[in-house]
Every structure is written in C-alpha cells, then in structure tokens.
Amino acid sequence: MGIVGNLAPQQRQSFDDRGFIVIESFASTEEIEAMRKRMDELLQDFDPTTTASIFSTKNQLKLTNEYFYESAEKISFFFEEKAFDDKGNLKQSKELSINKVGACAT
C-alpha cells in the first residue's frame, strides 16, 4: 500500500486533489545529506551511453521498454524527453537530464 495508505484523511484528500503531498520532517538533515550524497555516487557510476531510456507521462506506452519493466528490481535512470540531440548525444550533463530514478525497495 505504501505511504499513501498511511496518510491521515486530510493528507489523503490533499494527495488525491493535487497528486503530491509534502511530508514535513520526512528525514533529518543528516539523512537528507546522506541520500543526496548517495544519489550523486549513483549518477557518477551511471553510464548514459549503455542505456538511454526516456520517461514520459504522455507517451509512456510508446516509450516503455524492457529497461522500464526491469527498474522494479534494480536502480534505473530515465531521461527527460528532450535530453538527447538528433545524433543521440546528451544536450547537457546527465545530472540535469535525468527525469526519474527507479529503485526497488528492500
């Protein structure tokens, strides 16, 4: 059920109305810094030339591939729709081109 199932009725209504919710004090400053550091490490190790999957809220059926389905079992990176030029090169750094990071929860 995830975090949405654990929300108070007012929080759930806000989530249903807006599609997102801000959870104050979700993590401590130290935990947030550790998460950011770990994400930086993951991005540094990620080679965008090996897998370039694009995440789109508009055309996901068209863009969905095996990489997307496998993201439930590992850490996967998805790019913005316009992250690549006509030659397949990133237009800007991978850190600024990532739209979504998928990871399995263990």
N, C-alpha and C. Protein backbone atom coordinates (compact mmCIF):
# COMPACT_ATOMS: atom_id res chain seq x y z
N MET A 1 0.82 -1.18 0.00
CA MET A 1 0.00 0.00 0.00
C MET A 1 0.86 1.25 0.00
N GLY A 2 2.07 1.18 0.55
CA GLY A 2 2.97 2.32 0.52
C GLY A 2 2.56 3.42 1.46
N ILE A 3 3.20 4.56 1.31
CA ILE A 3 2.98 5.68 2.21
C ILE A 3 1.56 6.26 2.08
N VAL A 4 0.97 6.18 0.89
CA VAL A 4 -0.36 6.76 0.68
C VAL A 4 -1.38 6.10 1.60
N GLY A 5 -1.23 4.81 1.86
CA GLY A 5 -2.15 4.11 2.74
C GLY A 5 -2.01 4.50 4.19
N ASN A 6 -0.92 5.15 4.56
CA ASN A 6 -0.68 5.55 5.94
C ASN A 6 -0.99 7.02 6.21
N LEU A 7 -1.60 7.70 5.28
CA LEU A 7 -1.89 9.11 5.44
C LEU A 7 -3.17 9.33 6.23
N ALA A 8 -3.23 10.45 6.93
CA ALA A 8 -4.46 10.89 7.58
C ALA A 8 -5.46 11.27 6.49
N PRO A 9 -6.76 11.22 6.77
CA PRO A 9 -7.76 11.54 5.74
C PRO A 9 -7.53 12.89 5.05
N GLN A 10 -7.14 13.91 5.80
CA GLN A 10 -6.88 15.23 5.20
C GLN A 10 -5.68 15.17 4.26
N GLN A 11 -4.64 14.44 4.65
CA GLN A 11 -3.47 14.29 3.79
C GLN A 11 -3.85 13.52 2.53
N ARG A 12 -4.62 12.47 2.67
CA ARG A 12 -5.05 11.66 1.52
C ARG A 12 -5.85 12.51 0.55
N GLN A 13 -6.75 13.35 1.07
CA GLN A 13 -7.55 14.21 0.21
C GLN A 13 -6.66 15.19 -0.54
N SER A 14 -5.67 15.76 0.16
CA SER A 14 -4.73 16.66 -0.48
C SER A 14 -3.95 15.95 -1.59
N PHE A 15 -3.53 14.71 -1.30
CA PHE A 15 -2.82 13.91 -2.31
C PHE A 15 -3.73 13.65 -3.51
N ASP A 16 -4.97 13.25 -3.27
CA ASP A 16 -5.91 12.97 -4.36
C ASP A 16 -6.19 14.21 -5.19
N ASP A 17 -6.28 15.38 -4.54
CA ASP A 17 -6.58 16.63 -5.24
C ASP A 17 -5.40 17.13 -6.07
N ARG A 18 -4.20 17.01 -5.52
CA ARG A 18 -3.02 17.63 -6.13
C ARG A 18 -2.08 16.63 -6.82
N GLY A 19 -2.14 15.38 -6.42
CA GLY A 19 -1.24 14.38 -7.00
C GLY A 19 0.10 14.30 -6.30
N PHE A 20 0.28 15.06 -5.25
CA PHE A 20 1.51 15.02 -4.46
C PHE A 20 1.19 15.49 -3.06
N ILE A 21 2.11 15.22 -2.16
CA ILE A 21 1.96 15.69 -0.79
C ILE A 21 3.34 16.00 -0.24
N VAL A 22 3.42 17.03 0.56
CA VAL A 22 4.67 17.39 1.24
C VAL A 22 4.58 16.82 2.64
N ILE A 23 5.56 16.01 2.98
CA ILE A 23 5.60 15.42 4.31
C ILE A 23 6.73 16.10 5.07
N GLU A 24 6.36 16.97 5.99
CA GLU A 24 7.34 17.69 6.78
C GLU A 24 8.13 16.72 7.66
N SER A 25 9.38 17.02 7.86
CA SER A 25 10.26 16.23 8.73
C SER A 25 10.31 14.76 8.32
N PHE A 26 10.25 14.51 7.02
CA PHE A 26 10.33 13.15 6.50
C PHE A 26 11.65 12.50 6.88
N ALA A 27 12.70 13.30 6.85
CA ALA A 27 14.04 12.81 7.19
C ALA A 27 14.82 13.94 7.85
N SER A 28 15.81 13.56 8.62
CA SER A 28 16.65 14.56 9.27
C SER A 28 17.59 15.19 8.25
N THR A 29 18.19 16.30 8.62
CA THR A 29 19.15 16.97 7.75
C THR A 29 20.28 16.02 7.38
N GLU A 30 20.75 15.25 8.32
CA GLU A 30 21.83 14.29 8.07
C GLU A 30 21.39 13.20 7.10
N GLU A 31 20.17 12.71 7.27
CA GLU A 31 19.66 11.67 6.37
C GLU A 31 19.50 12.21 4.95
N ILE A 32 19.02 13.43 4.84
CA ILE A 32 18.86 14.05 3.52
C ILE A 32 20.22 14.21 2.85
N GLU A 33 21.20 14.67 3.59
CA GLU A 33 22.55 14.83 3.03
C GLU A 33 23.11 13.48 2.59
N ALA A 34 22.87 12.44 3.37
CA ALA A 34 23.33 11.09 3.01
C ALA A 34 22.63 10.61 1.73
N MET A 35 21.34 10.89 1.60
CA MET A 35 20.60 10.50 0.38
C MET A 35 21.13 11.24 -0.84
N ARG A 36 21.39 12.52 -0.69
CA ARG A 36 21.93 13.31 -1.81
C ARG A 36 23.31 12.82 -2.21
N LYS A 37 24.13 12.52 -1.22
CA LYS A 37 25.48 12.01 -1.50
C LYS A 37 25.40 10.68 -2.24
N ARG A 38 24.51 9.81 -1.79
CA ARG A 38 24.36 8.51 -2.44
C ARG A 38 23.86 8.67 -3.87
N MET A 39 22.91 9.58 -4.10
CA MET A 39 22.41 9.81 -5.45
C MET A 39 23.52 10.35 -6.34
N ASP A 40 24.35 11.24 -5.82
CA ASP A 40 25.50 11.73 -6.59
C ASP A 40 26.42 10.57 -6.98
N GLU A 41 26.66 9.66 -6.06
CA GLU A 41 27.50 8.49 -6.35
C GLU A 41 26.88 7.62 -7.43
N LEU A 42 25.58 7.37 -7.31
CA LEU A 42 24.89 6.55 -8.30
C LEU A 42 24.95 7.19 -9.69
N LEU A 43 24.73 8.49 -9.75
CA LEU A 43 24.79 9.19 -11.03
C LEU A 43 26.19 9.16 -11.63
N GLN A 44 27.20 9.31 -10.79
CA GLN A 44 28.57 9.28 -11.28
C GLN A 44 28.91 7.91 -11.89
N ASP A 45 28.38 6.85 -11.29
CA ASP A 45 28.64 5.49 -11.78
C ASP A 45 27.79 5.12 -12.99
N PHE A 46 26.72 5.86 -13.23
CA PHE A 46 25.81 5.55 -14.33
C PHE A 46 26.39 6.02 -15.66
N ASP A 47 26.45 5.12 -16.62
CA ASP A 47 26.95 5.44 -17.96
C ASP A 47 25.75 5.59 -18.90
N PRO A 48 25.40 6.81 -19.29
CA PRO A 48 24.22 7.02 -20.12
C PRO A 48 24.36 6.46 -21.54
N THR A 49 25.56 6.09 -21.94
CA THR A 49 25.72 5.53 -23.29
C THR A 49 25.31 4.06 -23.35
N THR A 50 25.19 3.40 -22.19
CA THR A 50 24.80 1.99 -22.19
C THR A 50 23.29 1.81 -22.24
N THR A 51 22.55 2.71 -21.61
CA THR A 51 21.10 2.63 -21.60
C THR A 51 20.54 4.05 -21.61
N ALA A 52 19.72 4.33 -22.59
CA ALA A 52 19.10 5.64 -22.67
C ALA A 52 17.60 5.45 -22.75
N SER A 53 16.97 5.34 -21.61
CA SER A 53 15.53 5.17 -21.56
C SER A 53 14.90 6.51 -21.19
N ILE A 54 13.85 6.85 -21.90
CA ILE A 54 13.18 8.13 -21.69
C ILE A 54 11.87 7.87 -20.95
N PHE A 55 11.62 8.68 -19.93
CA PHE A 55 10.37 8.58 -19.20
C PHE A 55 9.45 9.70 -19.65
N SER A 56 8.24 9.31 -20.03
CA SER A 56 7.27 10.30 -20.49
C SER A 56 5.93 10.03 -19.84
N THR A 57 5.30 11.07 -19.33
CA THR A 57 3.96 10.88 -18.79
C THR A 57 2.93 10.91 -19.91
N LYS A 58 3.32 11.39 -21.08
CA LYS A 58 2.40 11.49 -22.20
C LYS A 58 2.45 10.26 -23.11
N ASN A 59 3.64 9.76 -23.35
CA ASN A 59 3.82 8.69 -24.34
C ASN A 59 4.46 7.45 -23.75
N GLN A 60 4.19 7.14 -22.48
CA GLN A 60 4.90 6.03 -21.85
C GLN A 60 4.65 4.70 -22.56
N LEU A 61 3.43 4.46 -23.04
CA LEU A 61 3.19 3.21 -23.75
C LEU A 61 4.08 3.10 -24.97
N LYS A 62 4.28 4.19 -25.67
CA LYS A 62 5.13 4.19 -26.85
C LYS A 62 6.60 4.03 -26.47
N LEU A 63 7.01 4.61 -25.35
CA LEU A 63 8.42 4.62 -24.97
C LEU A 63 8.80 3.50 -24.00
N THR A 64 7.82 2.79 -23.47
CA THR A 64 8.11 1.74 -22.50
C THR A 64 8.91 0.63 -23.16
N ASN A 65 9.89 0.15 -22.42
CA ASN A 65 10.69 -0.95 -22.92
C ASN A 65 11.08 -1.87 -21.77
N GLU A 66 11.86 -2.86 -22.06
CA GLU A 66 12.26 -3.83 -21.03
C GLU A 66 12.99 -3.16 -19.88
N TYR A 67 13.80 -2.16 -20.16
CA TYR A 67 14.53 -1.44 -19.12
C TYR A 67 13.57 -0.86 -18.09
N PHE A 68 12.46 -0.31 -18.57
CA PHE A 68 11.45 0.26 -17.68
C PHE A 68 10.87 -0.81 -16.77
N TYR A 69 10.53 -1.95 -17.33
CA TYR A 69 9.94 -3.02 -16.52
C TYR A 69 10.94 -3.60 -15.53
N GLU A 70 12.21 -3.66 -15.90
CA GLU A 70 13.24 -4.19 -15.02
C GLU A 70 13.59 -3.23 -13.89
N SER A 71 13.16 -1.98 -13.98
CA SER A 71 13.52 -0.98 -12.98
C SER A 71 12.94 -1.31 -11.61
N ALA A 72 12.00 -2.20 -11.54
CA ALA A 72 11.42 -2.58 -10.25
C ALA A 72 12.37 -3.44 -9.44
N GLU A 73 13.42 -3.97 -10.07
CA GLU A 73 14.32 -4.88 -9.38
C GLU A 73 15.75 -4.35 -9.26
N LYS A 74 15.98 -3.12 -9.70
CA LYS A 74 17.32 -2.53 -9.62
C LYS A 74 17.20 -1.01 -9.72
N ILE A 75 18.30 -0.33 -9.64
CA ILE A 75 18.30 1.12 -9.79
C ILE A 75 18.37 1.44 -11.28
N SER A 76 17.44 2.24 -11.75
CA SER A 76 17.36 2.59 -13.16
C SER A 76 17.18 4.09 -13.32
N PHE A 77 17.75 4.65 -14.36
CA PHE A 77 17.67 6.08 -14.62
C PHE A 77 16.88 6.32 -15.90
N PHE A 78 16.03 7.33 -15.87
CA PHE A 78 15.21 7.67 -17.02
C PHE A 78 15.42 9.14 -17.36
N PHE A 79 15.58 9.42 -18.64
CA PHE A 79 15.90 10.75 -19.10
C PHE A 79 14.67 11.57 -19.45
N GLU A 80 14.85 12.88 -19.45
CA GLU A 80 13.84 13.79 -19.95
C GLU A 80 13.59 13.49 -21.43
N GLU A 81 12.39 13.81 -21.90
CA GLU A 81 12.04 13.53 -23.29
C GLU A 81 12.98 14.20 -24.29
N LYS A 82 13.45 15.39 -23.99
CA LYS A 82 14.29 16.13 -24.95
C LYS A 82 15.74 16.20 -24.48
N ALA A 83 16.19 15.17 -23.77
CA ALA A 83 17.55 15.17 -23.23
C ALA A 83 18.62 14.96 -24.30
N PHE A 84 18.25 14.34 -25.43
CA PHE A 84 19.23 13.99 -26.46
C PHE A 84 19.01 14.80 -27.73
N ASP A 85 20.11 15.08 -28.41
CA ASP A 85 20.01 15.76 -29.69
C ASP A 85 19.71 14.73 -30.79
N ASP A 86 19.67 15.18 -32.04
CA ASP A 86 19.35 14.29 -33.17
C ASP A 86 20.37 13.18 -33.37
N LYS A 87 21.58 13.37 -32.87
CA LYS A 87 22.63 12.37 -33.01
C LYS A 87 22.69 11.42 -31.81
N GLY A 88 21.80 11.60 -30.84
CA GLY A 88 21.77 10.73 -29.68
C GLY A 88 22.70 11.14 -28.56
N ASN A 89 23.23 12.36 -28.64
CA ASN A 89 24.11 12.87 -27.59
C ASN A 89 23.32 13.69 -26.58
N LEU A 90 23.71 13.60 -25.31
CA LEU A 90 23.06 14.41 -24.29
C LEU A 90 23.28 15.89 -24.59
N LYS A 91 22.25 16.68 -24.43
CA LYS A 91 22.35 18.12 -24.66
C LYS A 91 23.00 18.83 -23.48
N GLN A 92 22.93 18.23 -22.30
CA GLN A 92 23.53 18.79 -21.09
C GLN A 92 23.98 17.64 -20.21
N SER A 93 24.54 17.93 -19.06
CA SER A 93 25.06 16.87 -18.20
C SER A 93 23.97 15.87 -17.81
N LYS A 94 24.38 14.65 -17.52
CA LYS A 94 23.40 13.63 -17.14
C LYS A 94 22.67 14.02 -15.86
N GLU A 95 23.34 14.72 -14.95
CA GLU A 95 22.70 15.16 -13.71
C GLU A 95 21.50 16.07 -13.98
N LEU A 96 21.57 16.86 -15.05
CA LEU A 96 20.48 17.76 -15.41
C LEU A 96 19.51 17.15 -16.41
N SER A 97 19.81 15.95 -16.90
CA SER A 97 18.99 15.31 -17.93
C SER A 97 18.09 14.20 -17.39
N ILE A 98 18.32 13.78 -16.16
CA ILE A 98 17.54 12.70 -15.57
C ILE A 98 16.18 13.21 -15.12
N ASN A 99 15.13 12.48 -15.49
CA ASN A 99 13.76 12.82 -15.12
C ASN A 99 13.33 12.04 -13.90
N LYS A 100 13.74 10.77 -13.83
CA LYS A 100 13.22 9.86 -12.81
C LYS A 100 14.28 8.83 -12.51
N VAL A 101 14.33 8.42 -11.26
CA VAL A 101 15.19 7.31 -10.85
C VAL A 101 14.28 6.27 -10.22
N GLY A 102 14.35 5.07 -10.74
CA GLY A 102 13.54 3.98 -10.19
C GLY A 102 14.43 3.03 -9.40
N ALA A 103 13.94 2.58 -8.27
CA ALA A 103 14.70 1.65 -7.45
C ALA A 103 13.74 0.74 -6.72
N CYS A 104 14.19 -0.47 -6.52
CA CYS A 104 13.35 -1.40 -5.75
C CYS A 104 13.53 -1.09 -4.28
N ALA A 105 12.51 -1.29 -3.55
CA ALA A 105 12.58 -1.08 -2.10
C ALA A 105 12.89 -2.41 -1.44
N THR A 106 13.94 -2.42 -0.65
CA THR A 106 14.30 -3.67 0.04
C THR A 106 14.27 -3.45 1.52
